[in-house]
Amino acid sequence: MANLVRTVVPAPSPAFVTPPSPRLLSPEQMAKTRKSAEDFEAMALGQLLQPMFKTVDTSKGMFGGGTGEEAWKPIMVDEMAKMLAKSGGIGLADSVYREMLRMQEFKSTEEAK
């Protein structure tokens, strides 16, 4: 019976094994791409954190609750997500950055033809 079950693990894509060569992109383009990848990770982290903060009842705390907190809580969560992404996050920015570089390099190569 154990012989009938097989686990098939696909080989990693070459795009994920080696990062693309930045030879066709300027340092400014690479920095802008990196910032976009980090912004994307911050947005994704913010979307993950929002439901968590909605379940916390702060109305019983000394300084909690009220309309002020409701207005400022989403901004606080977004800033926390930005700080998490800037300090390494969950690694999403690195993957997005590599993919964006690969796509830009492909586009540059196609335009050069």
PDB file of N, CA and C in Angstrom:
ATOM      1  N   MET A   1       0.812  -1.186   0.000  1.00  0.00           N
ATOM      2  CA  MET A   1       0.000   0.000   0.000  1.00  0.00           C
ATOM      3  C   MET A   1       0.865   1.262   0.000  1.00  0.00           C
ATOM      4  N   ALA A   2       1.955   1.279   0.745  1.00  0.00           N
ATOM      5  CA  ALA A   2       2.828   2.445   0.809  1.00  0.00           C
ATOM      6  C   ALA A   2       3.471   2.717  -0.539  1.00  0.00           C
ATOM      7  N   ASN A   3       3.648   1.711  -1.375  1.00  0.00           N
ATOM      8  CA  ASN A   3       4.253   1.906  -2.687  1.00  0.00           C
ATOM      9  C   ASN A   3       3.332   2.651  -3.646  1.00  0.00           C
ATOM     10  N   LEU A   4       2.041   2.670  -3.364  1.00  0.00           N
ATOM     11  CA  LEU A   4       1.096   3.329  -4.247  1.00  0.00           C
ATOM     12  C   LEU A   4       1.076   4.842  -4.085  1.00  0.00           C
ATOM     13  N   VAL A   5       1.526   5.322  -2.961  1.00  0.00           N
ATOM     14  CA  VAL A   5       1.515   6.756  -2.696  1.00  0.00           C
ATOM     15  C   VAL A   5       2.889   7.325  -3.009  1.00  0.00           C
ATOM     16  N   ARG A   6       2.904   8.286  -3.908  1.00  0.00           N
ATOM     17  CA  ARG A   6       4.162   8.943  -4.256  1.00  0.00           C
ATOM     18  C   ARG A   6       4.015  10.444  -4.071  1.00  0.00           C
ATOM     19  N   THR A   7       5.052  11.030  -3.615  1.00  0.00           N
ATOM     20  CA  THR A   7       5.074  12.470  -3.484  1.00  0.00           C
ATOM     21  C   THR A   7       5.914  13.034  -4.619  1.00  0.00           C
ATOM     22  N   VAL A   8       5.311  13.871  -5.422  1.00  0.00           N
ATOM     23  CA  VAL A   8       6.008  14.480  -6.537  1.00  0.00           C
ATOM     24  C   VAL A   8       6.312  15.920  -6.171  1.00  0.00           C
ATOM     25  N   VAL A   9       7.587  16.235  -6.144  1.00  0.00           N
ATOM     26  CA  VAL A   9       8.017  17.589  -5.834  1.00  0.00           C
ATOM     27  C   VAL A   9       8.612  18.179  -7.100  1.00  0.00           C
ATOM     28  N   PRO A  10       8.012  19.246  -7.622  1.00  0.00           N
ATOM     29  CA  PRO A  10       8.544  19.829  -8.849  1.00  0.00           C
ATOM     30  C   PRO A  10       9.894  20.488  -8.608  1.00  0.00           C
ATOM     31  N   ALA A  11      10.709  20.489  -9.632  1.00  0.00           N
ATOM     32  CA  ALA A  11      12.014  21.139  -9.542  1.00  0.00           C
ATOM     33  C   ALA A  11      11.804  22.646  -9.474  1.00  0.00           C
ATOM     34  N   PRO A  12      12.648  23.332  -8.738  1.00  0.00           N
ATOM     35  CA  PRO A  12      12.488  24.784  -8.653  1.00  0.00           C
ATOM     36  C   PRO A  12      12.730  25.437 -10.007  1.00  0.00           C
ATOM     37  N   SER A  13      12.012  26.487 -10.254  1.00  0.00           N
ATOM     38  CA  SER A  13      12.170  27.239 -11.489  1.00  0.00           C
ATOM     39  C   SER A  13      13.526  27.925 -11.483  1.00  0.00           C
ATOM     40  N   PRO A  14      14.219  28.009 -12.626  1.00  0.00           N
ATOM     41  CA  PRO A  14      15.511  28.697 -12.664  1.00  0.00           C
ATOM     42  C   PRO A  14      15.425  30.151 -12.220  1.00  0.00           C
ATOM     43  N   ALA A  15      14.258  30.784 -12.397  1.00  0.00           N
ATOM     44  CA  ALA A  15      14.104  32.177 -11.985  1.00  0.00           C
ATOM     45  C   ALA A  15      14.221  32.331 -10.472  1.00  0.00           C
ATOM     46  N   PHE A  16      13.906  31.280  -9.713  1.00  0.00           N
ATOM     47  CA  PHE A  16      13.983  31.360  -8.261  1.00  0.00           C
ATOM     48  C   PHE A  16      15.333  30.889  -7.729  1.00  0.00           C
ATOM     49  N   VAL A  17      16.075  30.139  -8.540  1.00  0.00           N
ATOM     50  CA  VAL A  17      17.367  29.638  -8.093  1.00  0.00           C
ATOM     51  C   VAL A  17      18.418  30.735  -8.176  1.00  0.00           C
ATOM     52  N   THR A  18      18.487  31.429  -9.300  1.00  0.00           N
ATOM     53  CA  THR A  18      19.456  32.498  -9.456  1.00  0.00           C
ATOM     54  C   THR A  18      18.729  33.796  -9.773  1.00  0.00           C
ATOM     55  N   PRO A  19      19.102  34.875  -9.122  1.00  0.00           N
ATOM     56  CA  PRO A  19      18.444  36.147  -9.414  1.00  0.00           C
ATOM     57  C   PRO A  19      18.835  36.620 -10.803  1.00  0.00           C
ATOM     58  N   PRO A  20      17.980  37.378 -11.460  1.00  0.00           N
ATOM     59  CA  PRO A  20      18.291  37.864 -12.791  1.00  0.00           C
ATOM     60  C   PRO A  20      19.443  38.845 -12.771  1.00  0.00           C
ATOM     61  N   SER A  21      20.127  38.939 -13.867  1.00  0.00           N
ATOM     62  CA  SER A  21      21.250  39.859 -13.974  1.00  0.00           C
ATOM     63  C   SER A  21      20.746  41.285 -14.155  1.00  0.00           C
ATOM     64  N   PRO A  22      21.219  42.209 -13.346  1.00  0.00           N
ATOM     65  CA  PRO A  22      20.738  43.589 -13.450  1.00  0.00           C
ATOM     66  C   PRO A  22      21.504  44.414 -14.487  1.00  0.00           C
ATOM     67  N   ARG A  23      22.202  43.758 -15.416  1.00  0.00           N
ATOM     68  CA  ARG A  23      23.066  44.491 -16.338  1.00  0.00           C
ATOM     69  C   ARG A  23      22.305  45.469 -17.240  1.00  0.00           C
ATOM     70  N   LEU A  24      21.030  45.239 -17.456  1.00  0.00           N
ATOM     71  CA  LEU A  24      20.257  46.112 -18.328  1.00  0.00           C
ATOM     72  C   LEU A  24      19.478  47.171 -17.554  1.00  0.00           C
ATOM     73  N   LEU A  25      19.553  47.149 -16.237  1.00  0.00           N
ATOM     74  CA  LEU A  25      18.795  48.093 -15.421  1.00  0.00           C
ATOM     75  C   LEU A  25      19.735  49.044 -14.698  1.00  0.00           C
ATOM     76  N   SER A  26      19.333  50.300 -14.621  1.00  0.00           N
ATOM     77  CA  SER A  26      20.145  51.286 -13.905  1.00  0.00           C
ATOM     78  C   SER A  26      19.973  51.096 -12.399  1.00  0.00           C
ATOM     79  N   PRO A  27      20.908  51.603 -11.611  1.00  0.00           N
ATOM     80  CA  PRO A  27      20.757  51.521 -10.151  1.00  0.00           C
ATOM     81  C   PRO A  27      19.484  52.206  -9.655  1.00  0.00           C
ATOM     82  N   GLU A  28      19.073  53.287 -10.336  1.00  0.00           N
ATOM     83  CA  GLU A  28      17.843  53.979  -9.949  1.00  0.00           C
ATOM     84  C   GLU A  28      16.632  53.088 -10.175  1.00  0.00           C
ATOM     85  N   GLN A  29      16.625  52.376 -11.307  1.00  0.00           N
ATOM     86  CA  GLN A  29      15.526  51.462 -11.599  1.00  0.00           C
ATOM     87  C   GLN A  29      15.481  50.326 -10.581  1.00  0.00           C
ATOM     88  N   MET A  30      16.650  49.812 -10.209  1.00  0.00           N
ATOM     89  CA  MET A  30      16.697  48.725  -9.226  1.00  0.00           C
ATOM     90  C   MET A  30      16.222  49.205  -7.863  1.00  0.00           C
ATOM     91  N   ALA A  31      16.603  50.423  -7.460  1.00  0.00           N
ATOM     92  CA  ALA A  31      16.164  50.964  -6.169  1.00  0.00           C
ATOM     93  C   ALA A  31      14.656  51.197  -6.168  1.00  0.00           C
ATOM     94  N   LYS A  32      14.128  51.711  -7.276  1.00  0.00           N
ATOM     95  CA  LYS A  32      12.691  51.947  -7.375  1.00  0.00           C
ATOM     96  C   LYS A  32      11.928  50.625  -7.342  1.00  0.00           C
ATOM     97  N   THR A  33      12.477  49.608  -7.981  1.00  0.00           N
ATOM     98  CA  THR A  33      11.853  48.285  -7.978  1.00  0.00           C
ATOM     99  C   THR A  33      11.863  47.691  -6.578  1.00  0.00           C
ATOM    100  N   ARG A  34      12.961  47.832  -5.863  1.00  0.00           N
ATOM    101  CA  ARG A  34      13.066  47.316  -4.489  1.00  0.00           C
ATOM    102  C   ARG A  34      12.041  47.999  -3.581  1.00  0.00           C
ATOM    103  N   LYS A  35      11.913  49.334  -3.724  1.00  0.00           N
ATOM    104  CA  LYS A  35      10.935  50.074  -2.919  1.00  0.00           C
ATOM    105  C   LYS A  35       9.521  49.598  -3.224  1.00  0.00           C
ATOM    106  N   SER A  36       9.222  49.361  -4.485  1.00  0.00           N
ATOM    107  CA  SER A  36       7.890  48.871  -4.856  1.00  0.00           C
ATOM    108  C   SER A  36       7.622  47.498  -4.243  1.00  0.00           C
ATOM    109  N   ALA A  37       8.634  46.635  -4.234  1.00  0.00           N
ATOM    110  CA  ALA A  37       8.472  45.301  -3.649  1.00  0.00           C
ATOM    111  C   ALA A  37       8.232  45.407  -2.143  1.00  0.00           C
ATOM    112  N   GLU A  38       8.971  46.296  -1.475  1.00  0.00           N
ATOM    113  CA  GLU A  38       8.768  46.483  -0.033  1.00  0.00           C
ATOM    114  C   GLU A  38       7.405  47.094   0.259  1.00  0.00           C
ATOM    115  N   ASP A  39       6.965  48.025  -0.577  1.00  0.00           N
ATOM    116  CA  ASP A  39       5.630  48.614  -0.402  1.00  0.00           C
ATOM    117  C   ASP A  39       4.545  47.555  -0.573  1.00  0.00           C
ATOM    118  N   PHE A  40       4.761  46.652  -1.526  1.00  0.00           N
ATOM    119  CA  PHE A  40       3.792  45.578  -1.730  1.00  0.00           C
ATOM    120  C   PHE A  40       3.731  44.670  -0.505  1.00  0.00           C
ATOM    121  N   GLU A  41       4.900  44.327   0.047  1.00  0.00           N
ATOM    122  CA  GLU A  41       4.906  43.486   1.244  1.00  0.00           C
ATOM    123  C   GLU A  41       4.240  44.200   2.418  1.00  0.00           C
ATOM    124  N   ALA A  42       4.480  45.504   2.555  1.00  0.00           N
ATOM    125  CA  ALA A  42       3.847  46.267   3.639  1.00  0.00           C
ATOM    126  C   ALA A  42       2.332  46.258   3.488  1.00  0.00           C
ATOM    127  N   MET A  43       1.845  46.399   2.258  1.00  0.00           N
ATOM    128  CA  MET A  43       0.405  46.369   2.020  1.00  0.00           C
ATOM    129  C   MET A  43      -0.167  44.993   2.363  1.00  0.00           C
ATOM    130  N   ALA A  44       0.544  43.944   1.956  1.00  0.00           N
ATOM    131  CA  ALA A  44       0.075  42.586   2.252  1.00  0.00           C
ATOM    132  C   ALA A  44       0.070  42.327   3.758  1.00  0.00           C
ATOM    133  N   LEU A  45       1.110  42.766   4.449  1.00  0.00           N
ATOM    134  CA  LEU A  45       1.157  42.598   5.902  1.00  0.00           C
ATOM    135  C   LEU A  45       0.047  43.393   6.582  1.00  0.00           C
ATOM    136  N   GLY A  46      -0.226  44.580   6.074  1.00  0.00           N
ATOM    137  CA  GLY A  46      -1.311  45.388   6.622  1.00  0.00           C
ATOM    138  C   GLY A  46      -2.654  44.682   6.494  1.00  0.00           C
ATOM    139  N   GLN A  47      -2.864  44.036   5.349  1.00  0.00           N
ATOM    140  CA  GLN A  47      -4.105  43.292   5.147  1.00  0.00           C
ATOM    141  C   GLN A  47      -4.198  42.094   6.094  1.00  0.00           C
ATOM    142  N   LEU A  48      -3.056  41.509   6.434  1.00  0.00           N
ATOM    143  CA  LEU A  48      -3.056  40.392   7.382  1.00  0.00           C
ATOM    144  C   LEU A  48      -3.261  40.866   8.825  1.00  0.00           C
ATOM    145  N   LEU A  49      -2.752  42.047   9.146  1.00  0.00           N
ATOM    146  CA  LEU A  49      -2.844  42.558  10.520  1.00  0.00           C
ATOM    147  C   LEU A  49      -4.193  43.195  10.841  1.00  0.00           C
ATOM    148  N   GLN A  50      -4.866  43.772   9.853  1.00  0.00           N
ATOM    149  CA  GLN A  50      -6.130  44.466  10.111  1.00  0.00           C
ATOM    150  C   GLN A  50      -7.145  43.594  10.861  1.00  0.00           C
ATOM    151  N   PRO A  51      -7.422  42.362  10.404  1.00  0.00           N
ATOM    152  CA  PRO A  51      -8.404  41.543  11.144  1.00  0.00           C
ATOM    153  C   PRO A  51      -7.970  41.225  12.578  1.00  0.00           C
ATOM    154  N   MET A  52      -6.667  41.108  12.777  1.00  0.00           N
ATOM    155  CA  MET A  52      -6.185  40.811  14.122  1.00  0.00           C
ATOM    156  C   MET A  52      -6.504  41.962  15.075  1.00  0.00           C
ATOM    157  N   PHE A  53      -6.322  43.178  14.625  1.00  0.00           N
ATOM    158  CA  PHE A  53      -6.584  44.328  15.488  1.00  0.00           C
ATOM    159  C   PHE A  53      -8.070  44.601  15.649  1.00  0.00           C
ATOM    160  N   LYS A  54      -8.890  44.118  14.744  1.00  0.00           N
ATOM    161  CA  LYS A  54     -10.337  44.297  14.891  1.00  0.00           C
ATOM    162  C   LYS A  54     -10.902  43.431  16.010  1.00  0.00           C
ATOM    163  N   THR A  55     -10.191  42.370  16.368  1.00  0.00           N
ATOM    164  CA  THR A  55     -10.689  41.465  17.407  1.00  0.00           C
ATOM    165  C   THR A  55     -10.234  41.863  18.804  1.00  0.00           C
ATOM    166  N   VAL A  56      -9.351  42.840  18.918  1.00  0.00           N
ATOM    167  CA  VAL A  56      -8.852  43.273  20.221  1.00  0.00           C
ATOM    168  C   VAL A  56      -9.814  44.305  20.803  1.00  0.00           C
ATOM    169  N   ASP A  57     -10.308  44.024  21.996  1.00  0.00           N
ATOM    170  CA  ASP A  57     -11.220  44.953  22.671  1.00  0.00           C
ATOM    171  C   ASP A  57     -10.404  45.856  23.594  1.00  0.00           C
ATOM    172  N   THR A  58     -10.216  47.099  23.174  1.00  0.00           N
ATOM    173  CA  THR A  58      -9.442  48.047  23.976  1.00  0.00           C
ATOM    174  C   THR A  58     -10.326  49.012  24.754  1.00  0.00           C
ATOM    175  N   SER A  59     -11.628  48.840  24.682  1.00  0.00           N
ATOM    176  CA  SER A  59     -12.538  49.782  25.332  1.00  0.00           C
ATOM    177  C   SER A  59     -12.454  49.727  26.857  1.00  0.00           C
ATOM    178  N   LYS A  60     -11.964  48.636  27.411  1.00  0.00           N
ATOM    179  CA  LYS A  60     -11.889  48.508  28.869  1.00  0.00           C
ATOM    180  C   LYS A  60     -10.566  48.996  29.438  1.00  0.00           C
ATOM    181  N   GLY A  61      -9.640  49.374  28.564  1.00  0.00           N
ATOM    182  CA  GLY A  61      -8.350  49.877  29.023  1.00  0.00           C
ATOM    183  C   GLY A  61      -8.446  51.316  29.484  1.00  0.00           C
ATOM    184  N   MET A  62      -7.410  51.782  30.160  1.00  0.00           N
ATOM    185  CA  MET A  62      -7.409  53.128  30.694  1.00  0.00           C
ATOM    186  C   MET A  62      -7.513  54.179  29.584  1.00  0.00           C
ATOM    187  N   PHE A  63      -6.819  53.970  28.481  1.00  0.00           N
ATOM    188  CA  PHE A  63      -6.813  54.952  27.397  1.00  0.00           C
ATOM    189  C   PHE A  63      -7.501  54.433  26.140  1.00  0.00           C
ATOM    190  N   GLY A  64      -8.201  53.319  26.221  1.00  0.00           N
ATOM    191  CA  GLY A  64      -8.755  52.687  25.030  1.00  0.00           C
ATOM    192  C   GLY A  64     -10.160  53.102  24.680  1.00  0.00           C
ATOM    193  N   GLY A  65     -10.522  52.742  23.478  1.00  0.00           N
ATOM    194  CA  GLY A  65     -11.883  52.944  23.013  1.00  0.00           C
ATOM    195  C   GLY A  65     -12.135  54.331  22.463  1.00  0.00           C
ATOM    196  N   GLY A  66     -13.331  54.504  21.978  1.00  0.00           N
ATOM    197  CA  GLY A  66     -13.740  55.813  21.489  1.00  0.00           C
ATOM    198  C   GLY A  66     -13.575  55.973  19.992  1.00  0.00           C
ATOM    199  N   THR A  67     -14.094  57.089  19.512  1.00  0.00           N
ATOM    200  CA  THR A  67     -14.048  57.352  18.079  1.00  0.00           C
ATOM    201  C   THR A  67     -12.644  57.705  17.607  1.00  0.00           C
ATOM    202  N   GLY A  68     -11.857  58.310  18.463  1.00  0.00           N
ATOM    203  CA  GLY A  68     -10.475  58.636  18.099  1.00  0.00           C
ATOM    204  C   GLY A  68      -9.668  57.396  17.795  1.00  0.00           C
ATOM    205  N   GLU A  69      -9.826  56.397  18.635  1.00  0.00           N
ATOM    206  CA  GLU A  69      -9.098  55.153  18.405  1.00  0.00           C
ATOM    207  C   GLU A  69      -9.557  54.487  17.120  1.00  0.00           C
ATOM    208  N   GLU A  70     -10.845  54.487  16.887  1.00  0.00           N
ATOM    209  CA  GLU A  70     -11.370  53.877  15.660  1.00  0.00           C
ATOM    210  C   GLU A  70     -10.832  54.582  14.417  1.00  0.00           C
ATOM    211  N   ALA A  71     -10.635  55.878  14.509  1.00  0.00           N
ATOM    212  CA  ALA A  71     -10.125  56.640  13.365  1.00  0.00           C
ATOM    213  C   ALA A  71      -8.638  56.395  13.137  1.00  0.00           C
ATOM    214  N   TRP A  72      -7.863  56.255  14.217  1.00  0.00           N
ATOM    215  CA  TRP A  72      -6.414  56.145  14.097  1.00  0.00           C
ATOM    216  C   TRP A  72      -5.885  54.721  14.035  1.00  0.00           C
ATOM    217  N   LYS A  73      -6.669  53.738  14.422  1.00  0.00           N
ATOM    218  CA  LYS A  73      -6.188  52.354  14.453  1.00  0.00           C
ATOM    219  C   LYS A  73      -5.743  51.849  13.077  1.00  0.00           C
ATOM    220  N   PRO A  74      -6.494  52.086  11.992  1.00  0.00           N
ATOM    221  CA  PRO A  74      -6.019  51.610  10.679  1.00  0.00           C
ATOM    222  C   PRO A  74      -4.685  52.232  10.264  1.00  0.00           C
ATOM    223  N   ILE A  75      -4.475  53.492  10.626  1.00  0.00           N
ATOM    224  CA  ILE A  75      -3.211  54.161  10.298  1.00  0.00           C
ATOM    225  C   ILE A  75      -2.076  53.526  11.086  1.00  0.00           C
ATOM    226  N   MET A  76      -2.318  53.225  12.365  1.00  0.00           N
ATOM    227  CA  MET A  76      -1.309  52.576  13.191  1.00  0.00           C
ATOM    228  C   MET A  76      -0.955  51.204  12.635  1.00  0.00           C
ATOM    229  N   VAL A  77      -1.946  50.447  12.209  1.00  0.00           N
ATOM    230  CA  VAL A  77      -1.701  49.106  11.662  1.00  0.00           C
ATOM    231  C   VAL A  77      -0.889  49.208  10.374  1.00  0.00           C
ATOM    232  N   ASP A  78      -1.209  50.183   9.506  1.00  0.00           N
ATOM    233  CA  ASP A  78      -0.446  50.372   8.270  1.00  0.00           C
ATOM    234  C   ASP A  78       1.011  50.713   8.566  1.00  0.00           C
ATOM    235  N   GLU A  79       1.245  51.567   9.550  1.00  0.00           N
ATOM    236  CA  GLU A  79       2.614  51.933   9.914  1.00  0.00           C
ATOM    237  C   GLU A  79       3.368  50.745  10.508  1.00  0.00           C
ATOM    238  N   MET A  80       2.677  49.938  11.301  1.00  0.00           N
ATOM    239  CA  MET A  80       3.316  48.726  11.833  1.00  0.00           C
ATOM    240  C   MET A  80       3.709  47.798  10.699  1.00  0.00           C
ATOM    241  N   ALA A  81       2.833  47.660   9.707  1.00  0.00           N
ATOM    242  CA  ALA A  81       3.122  46.803   8.561  1.00  0.00           C
ATOM    243  C   ALA A  81       4.317  47.329   7.775  1.00  0.00           C
ATOM    244  N   LYS A  82       4.413  48.662   7.618  1.00  0.00           N
ATOM    245  CA  LYS A  82       5.561  49.249   6.917  1.00  0.00           C
ATOM    246  C   LYS A  82       6.862  48.966   7.659  1.00  0.00           C
ATOM    247  N   MET A  83       6.820  49.086   8.976  1.00  0.00           N
ATOM    248  CA  MET A  83       8.029  48.820   9.779  1.00  0.00           C
ATOM    249  C   MET A  83       8.417  47.345   9.721  1.00  0.00           C
ATOM    250  N   LEU A  84       7.421  46.472   9.745  1.00  0.00           N
ATOM    251  CA  LEU A  84       7.708  45.043   9.619  1.00  0.00           C
ATOM    252  C   LEU A  84       8.352  44.746   8.275  1.00  0.00           C
ATOM    253  N   ALA A  85       7.816  45.303   7.207  1.00  0.00           N
ATOM    254  CA  ALA A  85       8.359  45.064   5.867  1.00  0.00           C
ATOM    255  C   ALA A  85       9.766  45.629   5.744  1.00  0.00           C
ATOM    256  N   LYS A  86       9.991  46.813   6.309  1.00  0.00           N
ATOM    257  CA  LYS A  86      11.308  47.454   6.223  1.00  0.00           C
ATOM    258  C   LYS A  86      12.372  46.665   6.987  1.00  0.00           C
ATOM    259  N   SER A  87      11.981  45.990   8.050  1.00  0.00           N
ATOM    260  CA  SER A  87      12.939  45.237   8.860  1.00  0.00           C
ATOM    261  C   SER A  87      13.052  43.773   8.437  1.00  0.00           C
ATOM    262  N   GLY A  88      12.579  43.449   7.245  1.00  0.00           N
ATOM    263  CA  GLY A  88      12.745  42.084   6.750  1.00  0.00           C
ATOM    264  C   GLY A  88      11.440  41.378   6.477  1.00  0.00           C
ATOM    265  N   GLY A  89      10.401  41.740   7.200  1.00  0.00           N
ATOM    266  CA  GLY A  89       9.075  41.172   6.965  1.00  0.00           C
ATOM    267  C   GLY A  89       9.039  39.655   6.972  1.00  0.00           C
ATOM    268  N   ILE A  90       8.274  39.117   6.052  1.00  0.00           N
ATOM    269  CA  ILE A  90       8.122  37.663   5.956  1.00  0.00           C
ATOM    270  C   ILE A  90       8.817  37.111   4.714  1.00  0.00           C
ATOM    271  N   GLY A  91       9.618  37.955   4.056  1.00  0.00           N
ATOM    272  CA  GLY A  91      10.353  37.512   2.879  1.00  0.00           C
ATOM    273  C   GLY A  91       9.609  37.684   1.575  1.00  0.00           C
ATOM    274  N   LEU A  92       8.443  38.242   1.618  1.00  0.00           N
ATOM    275  CA  LEU A  92       7.651  38.427   0.402  1.00  0.00           C
ATOM    276  C   LEU A  92       8.304  39.447  -0.525  1.00  0.00           C
ATOM    277  N   ALA A  93       8.881  40.500   0.025  1.00  0.00           N
ATOM    278  CA  ALA A  93       9.497  41.547  -0.799  1.00  0.00           C
ATOM    279  C   ALA A  93      10.643  40.989  -1.634  1.00  0.00           C
ATOM    280  N   ASP A  94      11.424  40.073  -1.076  1.00  0.00           N
ATOM    281  CA  ASP A  94      12.538  39.502  -1.829  1.00  0.00           C
ATOM    282  C   ASP A  94      12.051  38.730  -3.046  1.00  0.00           C
ATOM    283  N   SER A  95      11.022  37.934  -2.871  1.00  0.00           N
ATOM    284  CA  SER A  95      10.477  37.171  -3.995  1.00  0.00           C
ATOM    285  C   SER A  95       9.864  38.080  -5.050  1.00  0.00           C
ATOM    286  N   VAL A  96       9.121  39.075  -4.597  1.00  0.00           N
ATOM    287  CA  VAL A  96       8.497  40.020  -5.529  1.00  0.00           C
ATOM    288  C   VAL A  96       9.573  40.812  -6.260  1.00  0.00           C
ATOM    289  N   TYR A  97      10.622  41.218  -5.557  1.00  0.00           N
ATOM    290  CA  TYR A  97      11.727  41.976  -6.158  1.00  0.00           C
ATOM    291  C   TYR A  97      12.405  41.168  -7.262  1.00  0.00           C
ATOM    292  N   ARG A  98      12.719  39.913  -6.972  1.00  0.00           N
ATOM    293  CA  ARG A  98      13.362  39.058  -7.985  1.00  0.00           C
ATOM    294  C   ARG A  98      12.482  38.908  -9.216  1.00  0.00           C
ATOM    295  N   GLU A  99      11.195  38.711  -8.992  1.00  0.00           N
ATOM    296  CA  GLU A  99      10.283  38.539 -10.123  1.00  0.00           C
ATOM    297  C   GLU A  99      10.147  39.835 -10.924  1.00  0.00           C
ATOM    298  N   MET A 100      10.082  40.969 -10.236  1.00  0.00           N
ATOM    299  CA  MET A 100       9.989  42.245 -10.936  1.00  0.00           C
ATOM    300  C   MET A 100      11.252  42.522 -11.746  1.00  0.00           C
ATOM    301  N   LEU A 101      12.428  42.206 -11.192  1.00  0.00           N
ATOM    302  CA  LEU A 101      13.674  42.371 -11.939  1.00  0.00           C
ATOM    303  C   LEU A 101      13.685  41.480 -13.178  1.00  0.00           C
ATOM    304  N   ARG A 102      13.238  40.237 -13.012  1.00  0.00           N
ATOM    305  CA  ARG A 102      13.208  39.308 -14.136  1.00  0.00           C
ATOM    306  C   ARG A 102      12.294  39.839 -15.236  1.00  0.00           C
ATOM    307  N   MET A 103      11.136  40.344 -14.852  1.00  0.00           N
ATOM    308  CA  MET A 103      10.193  40.871 -15.836  1.00  0.00           C
ATOM    309  C   MET A 103      10.747  42.124 -16.529  1.00  0.00           C
ATOM    310  N   GLN A 104      11.395  43.002 -15.770  1.00  0.00           N
ATOM    311  CA  GLN A 104      11.962  44.211 -16.358  1.00  0.00           C
ATOM    312  C   GLN A 104      13.123  43.875 -17.285  1.00  0.00           C
ATOM    313  N   GLU A 105      13.940  42.907 -16.886  1.00  0.00           N
ATOM    314  CA  GLU A 105      15.052  42.507 -17.739  1.00  0.00           C
ATOM    315  C   GLU A 105      14.538  41.900 -19.039  1.00  0.00           C
ATOM    316  N   PHE A 106      13.503  41.092 -18.950  1.00  0.00           N
ATOM    317  CA  PHE A 106      12.903  40.500 -20.145  1.00  0.00           C
ATOM    318  C   PHE A 106      12.370  41.594 -21.065  1.00  0.00           C
ATOM    319  N   LYS A 107      11.694  42.579 -20.469  1.00  0.00           N
ATOM    320  CA  LYS A 107      11.142  43.686 -21.258  1.00  0.00           C
ATOM    321  C   LYS A 107      12.257  44.466 -21.924  1.00  0.00           C
ATOM    322  N   SER A 108      13.343  44.742 -21.182  1.00  0.00           N
ATOM    323  CA  SER A 108      14.480  45.472 -21.746  1.00  0.00           C
ATOM    324  C   SER A 108      15.137  44.696 -22.872  1.00  0.00           C
ATOM    325  N   THR A 109      15.233  43.390 -22.713  1.00  0.00           N
ATOM    326  CA  THR A 109      15.818  42.540 -23.746  1.00  0.00           C
ATOM    327  C   THR A 109      14.960  42.556 -25.007  1.00  0.00           C
ATOM    328  N   GLU A 110      13.639  42.499 -24.813  1.00  0.00           N
ATOM    329  CA  GLU A 110      12.724  42.531 -25.960  1.00  0.00           C
ATOM    330  C   GLU A 110      12.793  43.874 -26.684  1.00  0.00           C
ATOM    331  N   GLU A 111      12.915  44.967 -25.932  1.00  0.00           N
ATOM    332  CA  GLU A 111      12.988  46.283 -26.552  1.00  0.00           C
ATOM    333  C   GLU A 111      14.292  46.482 -27.294  1.00  0.00           C
ATOM    334  N   ALA A 112      15.367  45.820 -26.846  1.00  0.00           N
ATOM    335  CA  ALA A 112      16.677  45.951 -27.488  1.00  0.00           C
ATOM    336  C   ALA A 112      16.744  45.217 -28.822  1.00  0.00           C
ATOM    337  N   LYS A 113      15.835  44.273 -29.044  1.00  0.00           N
ATOM    338  CA  LYS A 113      15.864  43.490 -30.296  1.00  0.00           C
ATOM    339  C   LYS A 113      15.429  44.303 -31.478  1.00  0.00           C
TER     340      LYS A 113
END
